[in-house]
PDB file of all heavy atoms in Angstrom:
ATOM      1  N   PHE A   1      92.810  82.850  94.952  1.00  0.00           N
ATOM      2  CA  PHE A   1      93.345  81.557  95.374  1.00  0.00           C
ATOM      3  C   PHE A   1      92.183  80.613  95.680  1.00  0.00           C
ATOM      4  O   PHE A   1      91.399  80.845  96.594  1.00  0.00           O
ATOM      5  CB  PHE A   1      94.226  81.711  96.610  1.00  0.00           C
ATOM      6  CG  PHE A   1      95.451  82.546  96.361  1.00  0.00           C
ATOM      7  CD1 PHE A   1      95.866  83.493  97.286  1.00  0.00           C
ATOM      8  CD2 PHE A   1      96.197  82.388  95.202  1.00  0.00           C
ATOM      9  CE1 PHE A   1      96.994  84.264  97.062  1.00  0.00           C
ATOM     10  CE2 PHE A   1      97.323  83.155  94.966  1.00  0.00           C
ATOM     11  CZ  PHE A   1      97.734  84.096  95.896  1.00  0.00           C
ATOM     12  N   SER A   2      92.095  79.540  94.920  1.00  0.00           N
ATOM     13  CA  SER A   2      90.901  78.694  95.006  1.00  0.00           C
ATOM     14  C   SER A   2      90.866  77.799  96.238  1.00  0.00           C
ATOM     15  O   SER A   2      89.803  77.409  96.692  1.00  0.00           O
ATOM     16  CB  SER A   2      90.789  77.821  93.745  1.00  0.00           C
ATOM     17  OG  SER A   2      91.951  77.027  93.590  1.00  0.00           O
ATOM     18  N   HIS A   3      92.026  77.463  96.797  1.00  0.00           N
ATOM     19  CA  HIS A   3      92.030  76.570  97.959  1.00  0.00           C
ATOM     20  C   HIS A   3      93.427  76.556  98.571  1.00  0.00           C
ATOM     21  O   HIS A   3      94.363  77.180  98.063  1.00  0.00           O
ATOM     22  CB  HIS A   3      91.632  75.145  97.556  1.00  0.00           C
ATOM     23  CG  HIS A   3      92.468  74.580  96.449  1.00  0.00           C
ATOM     24  ND1 HIS A   3      93.739  74.098  96.637  1.00  0.00           N
ATOM     25  CD2 HIS A   3      92.210  74.453  95.123  1.00  0.00           C
ATOM     26  CE1 HIS A   3      94.234  73.681  95.488  1.00  0.00           C
ATOM     27  NE2 HIS A   3      93.331  73.886  94.540  1.00  0.00           N
ATOM     28  N   GLY A   4      93.531  75.848  99.690  1.00  0.00           N
ATOM     29  CA  GLY A   4      94.842  75.624 100.284  1.00  0.00           C
ATOM     30  C   GLY A   4      95.312  76.731 101.203  1.00  0.00           C
ATOM     31  O   GLY A   4      94.549  77.609 101.608  1.00  0.00           O
ATOM     32  N   GLU A   5      96.592  76.656 101.536  1.00  0.00           N
ATOM     33  CA  GLU A   5      97.171  77.563 102.528  1.00  0.00           C
ATOM     34  C   GLU A   5      97.104  79.019 102.100  1.00  0.00           C
ATOM     35  O   GLU A   5      96.903  79.904 102.935  1.00  0.00           O
ATOM     36  CB  GLU A   5      98.625  77.174 102.800  1.00  0.00           C
ATOM     37  CG  GLU A   5      98.782  75.858 103.553  1.00  0.00           C
ATOM     38  CD  GLU A   5     100.231  75.550 103.873  1.00  0.00           C
ATOM     39  OE1 GLU A   5     101.082  76.442 103.665  1.00  0.00           O
ATOM     40  OE2 GLU A   5     100.512  74.434 104.336  1.00  0.00           O
ATOM     41  N   GLU A   6      97.274  79.270 100.819  1.00  0.00           N
ATOM     42  CA  GLU A   6      97.282  80.653 100.346  1.00  0.00           C
ATOM     43  C   GLU A   6      95.930  81.310 100.570  1.00  0.00           C
ATOM     44  O   GLU A   6      95.843  82.448 101.031  1.00  0.00           O
ATOM     45  CB  GLU A   6      97.665  80.707  98.865  1.00  0.00           C
ATOM     46  CG  GLU A   6      99.134  80.402  98.601  1.00  0.00           C
ATOM     47  CD  GLU A   6      99.472  80.459  97.130  1.00  0.00           C
ATOM     48  OE1 GLU A   6      98.637  80.021  96.308  1.00  0.00           O
ATOM     49  OE2 GLU A   6     100.566  80.948  96.794  1.00  0.00           O
ATOM     50  N   GLN A   7      94.857  80.586 100.246  1.00  0.00           N
ATOM     51  CA  GLN A   7      93.530  81.156 100.461  1.00  0.00           C
ATOM     52  C   GLN A   7      93.224  81.285 101.954  1.00  0.00           C
ATOM     53  O   GLN A   7      92.657  82.282 102.389  1.00  0.00           O
ATOM     54  CB  GLN A   7      92.433  80.332  99.789  1.00  0.00           C
ATOM     55  CG  GLN A   7      91.076  81.065  99.845  1.00  0.00           C
ATOM     56  CD  GLN A   7      89.916  80.228  99.349  1.00  0.00           C
ATOM     57  OE1 GLN A   7      89.800  79.055  99.707  1.00  0.00           O
ATOM     58  NE2 GLN A   7      89.050  80.829  98.552  1.00  0.00           N
ATOM     59  N   ASP A   8      93.600  80.293 102.738  1.00  0.00           N
ATOM     60  CA  ASP A   8      93.377  80.351 104.185  1.00  0.00           C
ATOM     61  C   ASP A   8      94.074  81.572 104.792  1.00  0.00           C
ATOM     62  O   ASP A   8      93.501  82.276 105.633  1.00  0.00           O
ATOM     63  CB  ASP A   8      93.894  79.076 104.856  1.00  0.00           C
ATOM     64  CG  ASP A   8      93.038  77.865 104.520  1.00  0.00           C
ATOM     65  OD1 ASP A   8      91.896  78.063 104.063  1.00  0.00           O
ATOM     66  OD2 ASP A   8      93.529  76.739 104.725  1.00  0.00           O
ATOM     67  N   LYS A   9      95.300  81.812 104.363  1.00  0.00           N
ATOM     68  CA  LYS A   9      96.049  82.969 104.849  1.00  0.00           C
ATOM     69  C   LYS A   9      95.365  84.265 104.435  1.00  0.00           C
ATOM     70  O   LYS A   9      95.226  85.197 105.242  1.00  0.00           O
ATOM     71  CB  LYS A   9      97.480  82.927 104.303  1.00  0.00           C
ATOM     72  CG  LYS A   9      98.333  84.104 104.746  1.00  0.00           C
ATOM     73  CD  LYS A   9      99.730  84.033 104.139  1.00  0.00           C
ATOM     74  CE  LYS A   9     100.549  85.267 104.519  1.00  0.00           C
ATOM     75  NZ  LYS A   9     101.901  85.225 103.896  1.00  0.00           N
ATOM     76  N   ALA A  10      94.918  84.333 103.175  1.00  0.00           N
ATOM     77  CA  ALA A  10      94.258  85.535 102.676  1.00  0.00           C
ATOM     78  C   ALA A  10      92.945  85.791 103.414  1.00  0.00           C
ATOM     79  O   ALA A  10      92.618  86.941 103.752  1.00  0.00           O
ATOM     80  CB  ALA A  10      94.015  85.418 101.174  1.00  0.00           C
ATOM     81  N   LEU A  11      92.189  84.718 103.676  1.00  0.00           N
ATOM     82  CA  LEU A  11      90.926  84.859 104.411  1.00  0.00           C
ATOM     83  C   LEU A  11      91.179  85.353 105.837  1.00  0.00           C
ATOM     84  O   LEU A  11      90.474  86.245 106.326  1.00  0.00           O
ATOM     85  CB  LEU A  11      90.186  83.526 104.448  1.00  0.00           C
ATOM     86  CG  LEU A  11      89.411  83.136 103.192  1.00  0.00           C
ATOM     87  CD1 LEU A  11      88.921  81.698 103.302  1.00  0.00           C
ATOM     88  CD2 LEU A  11      88.225  84.080 102.974  1.00  0.00           C
ATOM     89  N   LYS A  12      92.177  84.788 106.488  1.00  0.00           N
ATOM     90  CA  LYS A  12      92.509  85.196 107.851  1.00  0.00           C
ATOM     91  C   LYS A  12      92.907  86.665 107.893  1.00  0.00           C
ATOM     92  O   LYS A  12      92.461  87.426 108.772  1.00  0.00           O
ATOM     93  CB  LYS A  12      93.643  84.328 108.393  1.00  0.00           C
ATOM     94  CG  LYS A  12      94.018  84.644 109.838  1.00  0.00           C
ATOM     95  CD  LYS A  12      95.154  83.738 110.323  1.00  0.00           C
ATOM     96  CE  LYS A  12      95.552  84.102 111.756  1.00  0.00           C
ATOM     97  NZ  LYS A  12      96.676  83.256 112.252  1.00  0.00           N
ATOM     98  N   GLN A  13      93.722  87.086 106.940  1.00  0.00           N
ATOM     99  CA  GLN A  13      94.144  88.482 106.879  1.00  0.00           C
ATOM    100  C   GLN A  13      92.959  89.401 106.614  1.00  0.00           C
ATOM    101  O   GLN A  13      92.833  90.469 107.228  1.00  0.00           O
ATOM    102  CB  GLN A  13      95.202  88.659 105.791  1.00  0.00           C
ATOM    103  CG  GLN A  13      96.546  88.062 106.145  1.00  0.00           C
ATOM    104  CD  GLN A  13      97.549  88.230 105.023  1.00  0.00           C
ATOM    105  OE1 GLN A  13      97.188  88.295 103.844  1.00  0.00           O
ATOM    106  NE2 GLN A  13      98.819  88.284 105.378  1.00  0.00           N
ATOM    107  N   THR A  14      92.083  88.988 105.697  1.00  0.00           N
ATOM    108  CA  THR A  14      90.900  89.801 105.372  1.00  0.00           C
ATOM    109  C   THR A  14      90.063  90.052 106.620  1.00  0.00           C
ATOM    110  O   THR A  14      89.645  91.182 106.887  1.00  0.00           O
ATOM    111  CB  THR A  14      90.046  89.104 104.292  1.00  0.00           C
ATOM    112  OG1 THR A  14      90.822  88.953 103.099  1.00  0.00           O
ATOM    113  CG2 THR A  14      88.805  89.923 103.977  1.00  0.00           C
ATOM    114  N   ILE A  15      89.819  89.010 107.386  1.00  0.00           N
ATOM    115  CA  ILE A  15      89.006  89.140 108.603  1.00  0.00           C
ATOM    116  C   ILE A  15      89.709  90.015 109.636  1.00  0.00           C
ATOM    117  O   ILE A  15      89.074  90.857 110.285  1.00  0.00           O
ATOM    118  CB  ILE A  15      88.679  87.746 109.165  1.00  0.00           C
ATOM    119  CG1 ILE A  15      87.725  87.009 108.201  1.00  0.00           C
ATOM    120  CG2 ILE A  15      88.058  87.847 110.553  1.00  0.00           C
ATOM    121  CD1 ILE A  15      87.518  85.550 108.513  1.00  0.00           C
ATOM    122  N   GLU A  16      91.011  89.868 109.764  1.00  0.00           N
ATOM    123  CA  GLU A  16      91.768  90.710 110.700  1.00  0.00           C
ATOM    124  C   GLU A  16      91.666  92.186 110.312  1.00  0.00           C
ATOM    125  O   GLU A  16      91.470  93.058 111.173  1.00  0.00           O
ATOM    126  CB  GLU A  16      93.232  90.273 110.722  1.00  0.00           C
ATOM    127  CG  GLU A  16      93.471  88.942 111.438  1.00  0.00           C
ATOM    128  CD  GLU A  16      94.928  88.495 111.343  1.00  0.00           C
ATOM    129  OE1 GLU A  16      95.727  89.184 110.677  1.00  0.00           O
ATOM    130  OE2 GLU A  16      95.261  87.451 111.948  1.00  0.00           O
ATOM    131  N   TYR A  17      91.789  92.471 109.037  1.00  0.00           N
ATOM    132  CA  TYR A  17      91.729  93.858 108.576  1.00  0.00           C
ATOM    133  C   TYR A  17      90.315  94.433 108.721  1.00  0.00           C
ATOM    134  O   TYR A  17      90.144  95.615 109.055  1.00  0.00           O
ATOM    135  CB  TYR A  17      92.200  93.956 107.134  1.00  0.00           C
ATOM    136  CG  TYR A  17      93.632  93.510 106.925  1.00  0.00           C
ATOM    137  CD1 TYR A  17      94.024  92.882 105.742  1.00  0.00           C
ATOM    138  CD2 TYR A  17      94.604  93.688 107.914  1.00  0.00           C
ATOM    139  CE1 TYR A  17      95.330  92.460 105.551  1.00  0.00           C
ATOM    140  CE2 TYR A  17      95.909  93.264 107.731  1.00  0.00           C
ATOM    141  CZ  TYR A  17      96.270  92.650 106.549  1.00  0.00           C
ATOM    142  OH  TYR A  17      97.567  92.241 106.356  1.00  0.00           O
ATOM    143  N   LEU A  18      89.311  93.592 108.466  1.00  0.00           N
ATOM    144  CA  LEU A  18      87.930  94.043 108.666  1.00  0.00           C
ATOM    145  C   LEU A  18      87.658  94.364 110.132  1.00  0.00           C
ATOM    146  O   LEU A  18      86.925  95.306 110.446  1.00  0.00           O
ATOM    147  CB  LEU A  18      86.954  92.974 108.167  1.00  0.00           C
ATOM    148  CG  LEU A  18      86.781  92.855 106.654  1.00  0.00           C
ATOM    149  CD1 LEU A  18      85.972  91.607 106.312  1.00  0.00           C
ATOM    150  CD2 LEU A  18      86.106  94.099 106.075  1.00  0.00           C
ATOM    151  N   GLU A  19      88.232  93.586 111.039  1.00  0.00           N
ATOM    152  CA  GLU A  19      88.083  93.856 112.476  1.00  0.00           C
ATOM    153  C   GLU A  19      88.649  95.229 112.838  1.00  0.00           C
ATOM    154  O   GLU A  19      88.052  95.979 113.611  1.00  0.00           O
ATOM    155  CB  GLU A  19      88.792  92.769 113.294  1.00  0.00           C
ATOM    156  CG  GLU A  19      88.071  91.439 113.325  1.00  0.00           C
ATOM    157  CD  GLU A  19      88.863  90.365 114.066  1.00  0.00           C
ATOM    158  OE1 GLU A  19      90.092  90.543 114.237  1.00  0.00           O
ATOM    159  OE2 GLU A  19      88.257  89.356 114.475  1.00  0.00           O
ATOM    160  N   ILE A  20      89.791  95.550 112.269  1.00  0.00           N
ATOM    161  CA  ILE A  20      90.413  96.847 112.533  1.00  0.00           C
ATOM    162  C   ILE A  20      89.544  97.980 112.014  1.00  0.00           C
ATOM    163  O   ILE A  20      89.287  98.969 112.724  1.00  0.00           O
ATOM    164  CB  ILE A  20      91.819  96.901 111.893  1.00  0.00           C
ATOM    165  CG1 ILE A  20      92.752  95.906 112.590  1.00  0.00           C
ATOM    166  CG2 ILE A  20      92.391  98.314 111.978  1.00  0.00           C
ATOM    167  CD1 ILE A  20      94.083  95.705 111.882  1.00  0.00           C
ATOM    168  N   ILE A  21      89.059  97.844 110.790  1.00  0.00           N
ATOM    169  CA  ILE A  21      88.222  98.896 110.197  1.00  0.00           C
ATOM    170  C   ILE A  21      86.884  98.993 110.923  1.00  0.00           C
ATOM    171  O   ILE A  21      86.352 100.085 111.134  1.00  0.00           O
ATOM    172  CB  ILE A  21      88.028  98.629 108.700  1.00  0.00           C
ATOM    173  CG1 ILE A  21      89.377  98.755 107.970  1.00  0.00           C
ATOM    174  CG2 ILE A  21      87.024  99.615 108.099  1.00  0.00           C
ATOM    175  CD1 ILE A  21      89.332  98.353 106.511  1.00  0.00           C
ATOM    176  N   ASN A  22      86.344  97.860 111.336  1.00  0.00           N
ATOM    177  CA  ASN A  22      85.103  97.860 112.111  1.00  0.00           C
ATOM    178  C   ASN A  22      85.253  98.700 113.373  1.00  0.00           C
ATOM    179  O   ASN A  22      84.364  99.484 113.729  1.00  0.00           O
ATOM    180  CB  ASN A  22      84.723  96.424 112.470  1.00  0.00           C
ATOM    181  CG  ASN A  22      83.443  96.328 113.267  1.00  0.00           C
ATOM    182  OD1 ASN A  22      82.357  96.573 112.756  1.00  0.00           O
ATOM    183  ND2 ASN A  22      83.566  95.951 114.539  1.00  0.00           N
ATOM    184  N   GLY A  23      86.399  98.572 114.044  1.00  0.00           N
ATOM    185  CA  GLY A  23      86.658  99.361 115.241  1.00  0.00           C
ATOM    186  C   GLY A  23      86.718 100.854 114.957  1.00  0.00           C
ATOM    187  O   GLY A  23      86.272 101.665 115.779  1.00  0.00           O
ATOM    188  N   GLU A  24      87.245 101.213 113.790  1.00  0.00           N
ATOM    189  CA  GLU A  24      87.339 102.623 113.414  1.00  0.00           C
ATOM    190  C   GLU A  24      85.970 103.243 113.148  1.00  0.00           C
ATOM    191  O   GLU A  24      85.816 104.461 113.204  1.00  0.00           O
ATOM    192  CB  GLU A  24      88.216 102.773 112.167  1.00  0.00           C
ATOM    193  CG  GLU A  24      89.695 102.621 112.424  1.00  0.00           C
ATOM    194  CD  GLU A  24      90.226 103.670 113.383  1.00  0.00           C
ATOM    195  OE1 GLU A  24      89.994 104.868 113.140  1.00  0.00           O
ATOM    196  OE2 GLU A  24      90.849 103.282 114.394  1.00  0.00           O
ATOM    197  N   LEU A  25      84.995 102.423 112.853  1.00  0.00           N
ATOM    198  CA  LEU A  25      83.650 102.921 112.525  1.00  0.00           C
ATOM    199  C   LEU A  25      82.713 102.974 113.731  1.00  0.00           C
ATOM    200  O   LEU A  25      81.570 103.407 113.596  1.00  0.00           O
ATOM    201  CB  LEU A  25      83.029 102.035 111.434  1.00  0.00           C
ATOM    202  CG  LEU A  25      83.558 102.276 110.016  1.00  0.00           C
ATOM    203  CD1 LEU A  25      83.182 101.110 109.104  1.00  0.00           C
ATOM    204  CD2 LEU A  25      83.028 103.589 109.465  1.00  0.00           C
ATOM    205  N   LYS A  26      83.178 102.574 114.885  1.00  0.00           N
ATOM    206  CA  LYS A  26      82.319 102.572 116.074  1.00  0.00           C
ATOM    207  C   LYS A  26      81.798 103.973 116.364  1.00  0.00           C
ATOM    208  O   LYS A  26      82.564 104.934 116.450  1.00  0.00           O
ATOM    209  CB  LYS A  26      83.094 102.051 117.286  1.00  0.00           C
ATOM    210  CG  LYS A  26      82.241 101.931 118.539  1.00  0.00           C
ATOM    211  CD  LYS A  26      83.042 101.335 119.696  1.00  0.00           C
ATOM    212  CE  LYS A  26      82.175 101.186 120.941  1.00  0.00           C
ATOM    213  NZ  LYS A  26      82.924 100.585 122.070  1.00  0.00           N
ATOM    214  N   GLY A  27      80.490 104.084 116.478  1.00  0.00           N
ATOM    215  CA  GLY A  27      79.864 105.359 116.807  1.00  0.00           C
ATOM    216  C   GLY A  27      79.795 106.344 115.659  1.00  0.00           C
ATOM    217  O   GLY A  27      79.455 107.515 115.858  1.00  0.00           O
ATOM    218  N   LYS A  28      80.095 105.889 114.429  1.00  0.00           N
ATOM    219  CA  LYS A  28      80.110 106.789 113.277  1.00  0.00           C
ATOM    220  C   LYS A  28      79.111 106.324 112.209  1.00  0.00           C
ATOM    221  O   LYS A  28      78.945 105.130 111.977  1.00  0.00           O
ATOM    222  CB  LYS A  28      81.505 106.828 112.642  1.00  0.00           C
ATOM    223  CG  LYS A  28      82.606 107.341 113.546  1.00  0.00           C
ATOM    224  CD  LYS A  28      83.940 107.267 112.826  1.00  0.00           C
ATOM    225  CE  LYS A  28      85.093 107.704 113.704  1.00  0.00           C
ATOM    226  NZ  LYS A  28      86.403 107.561 113.006  1.00  0.00           N
ATOM    227  N   LYS A  29      78.487 107.303 111.578  1.00  0.00           N
ATOM    228  CA  LYS A  29      77.641 107.001 110.421  1.00  0.00           C
ATOM    229  C   LYS A  29      78.508 106.763 109.193  1.00  0.00           C
ATOM    230  O   LYS A  29      78.307 105.823 108.431  1.00  0.00           O
ATOM    231  CB  LYS A  29      76.660 108.142 110.161  1.00  0.00           C
ATOM    232  CG  LYS A  29      75.693 107.883 109.018  1.00  0.00           C
ATOM    233  CD  LYS A  29      74.693 109.023 108.869  1.00  0.00           C
ATOM    234  CE  LYS A  29      73.716 108.732 107.731  1.00  0.00           C
ATOM    235  NZ  LYS A  29      72.721 109.824 107.561  1.00  0.00           N
ATOM    236  N   PHE A  30      79.482 107.663 109.010  1.00  0.00           N
ATOM    237  CA  PHE A  30      80.482 107.536 107.959  1.00  0.00           C
ATOM    238  C   PHE A  30      81.856 107.650 108.608  1.00  0.00           C
ATOM    239  O   PHE A  30      81.972 107.968 109.784  1.00  0.00           O
ATOM    240  CB  PHE A  30      80.290 108.611 106.884  1.00  0.00           C
ATOM    241  CG  PHE A  30      78.971 108.532 106.167  1.00  0.00           C
ATOM    242  CD1 PHE A  30      77.977 109.469 106.391  1.00  0.00           C
ATOM    243  CD2 PHE A  30      78.724 107.504 105.261  1.00  0.00           C
ATOM    244  CE1 PHE A  30      76.761 109.394 105.738  1.00  0.00           C
ATOM    245  CE2 PHE A  30      77.509 107.419 104.598  1.00  0.00           C
ATOM    246  CZ  PHE A  30      76.520 108.362 104.834  1.00  0.00           C
ATOM    247  N   PHE A  31      82.906 107.420 107.836  1.00  0.00           N
ATOM    248  CA  PHE A  31      84.249 107.442 108.419  1.00  0.00           C
ATOM    249  C   PHE A  31      84.584 108.792 109.043  1.00  0.00           C
ATOM    250  O   PHE A  31      85.262 108.871 110.064  1.00  0.00           O
ATOM    251  CB  PHE A  31      85.297 107.087 107.363  1.00  0.00           C
ATOM    252  CG  PHE A  31      85.470 105.612 107.163  1.00  0.00           C
ATOM    253  CD1 PHE A  31      84.815 104.956 106.135  1.00  0.00           C
ATOM    254  CD2 PHE A  31      86.283 104.867 108.008  1.00  0.00           C
ATOM    255  CE1 PHE A  31      84.966 103.587 105.946  1.00  0.00           C
ATOM    256  CE2 PHE A  31      86.439 103.503 107.838  1.00  0.00           C
ATOM    257  CZ  PHE A  31      85.781 102.861 106.799  1.00  0.00           C
ATOM    258  N   GLY A  32      84.097 109.863 108.420  1.00  0.00           N
ATOM    259  CA  GLY A  32      84.391 111.198 108.939  1.00  0.00           C
ATOM    260  C   GLY A  32      83.348 111.728 109.905  1.00  0.00           C
ATOM    261  O   GLY A  32      83.458 112.858 110.377  1.00  0.00           O
ATOM    262  N   GLY A  33      82.340 110.923 110.218  1.00  0.00           N
ATOM    263  CA  GLY A  33      81.281 111.377 111.120  1.00  0.00           C
ATOM    264  C   GLY A  33      79.916 111.273 110.459  1.00  0.00           C
ATOM    265  O   GLY A  33      79.490 110.200 110.039  1.00  0.00           O
ATOM    266  N   GLU A  34      79.253 112.426 110.323  1.00  0.00           N
ATOM    267  CA  GLU A  34      77.886 112.429 109.801  1.00  0.00           C
ATOM    268  C   GLU A  34      77.817 112.648 108.295  1.00  0.00           C
ATOM    269  O   GLU A  34      76.757 112.507 107.692  1.00  0.00           O
ATOM    270  CB  GLU A  34      77.068 113.535 110.509  1.00  0.00           C
ATOM    271  CG  GLU A  34      76.792 113.247 111.975  1.00  0.00           C
ATOM    272  CD  GLU A  34      75.960 111.981 112.161  1.00  0.00           C
ATOM    273  OE1 GLU A  34      74.922 111.842 111.486  1.00  0.00           O
ATOM    274  OE2 GLU A  34      76.362 111.119 112.969  1.00  0.00           O
ATOM    275  N   THR A  35      78.938 113.007 107.676  1.00  0.00           N
ATOM    276  CA  THR A  35      78.944 113.358 106.261  1.00  0.00           C
ATOM    277  C   THR A  35      79.850 112.428 105.476  1.00  0.00           C
ATOM    278  O   THR A  35      80.948 112.100 105.923  1.00  0.00           O
ATOM    279  CB  THR A  35      79.433 114.813 106.066  1.00  0.00           C
ATOM    280  OG1 THR A  35      78.662 115.676 106.897  1.00  0.00           O
ATOM    281  CG2 THR A  35      79.287 115.256 104.619  1.00  0.00           C
TER     282      THR A  35
END
C-alpha cells in the first residue's frame, strides 16, 4: 500500500506486532534460548 489509511493501518499493526515479538526475545539469544 503506497499511501493513505491502508498503509498507516498496516504500519501501525507491524509496529504493534514487533513490540510483542520483541518482548518474547527478552533475555534470549534465540527464540528457544542459546540454540
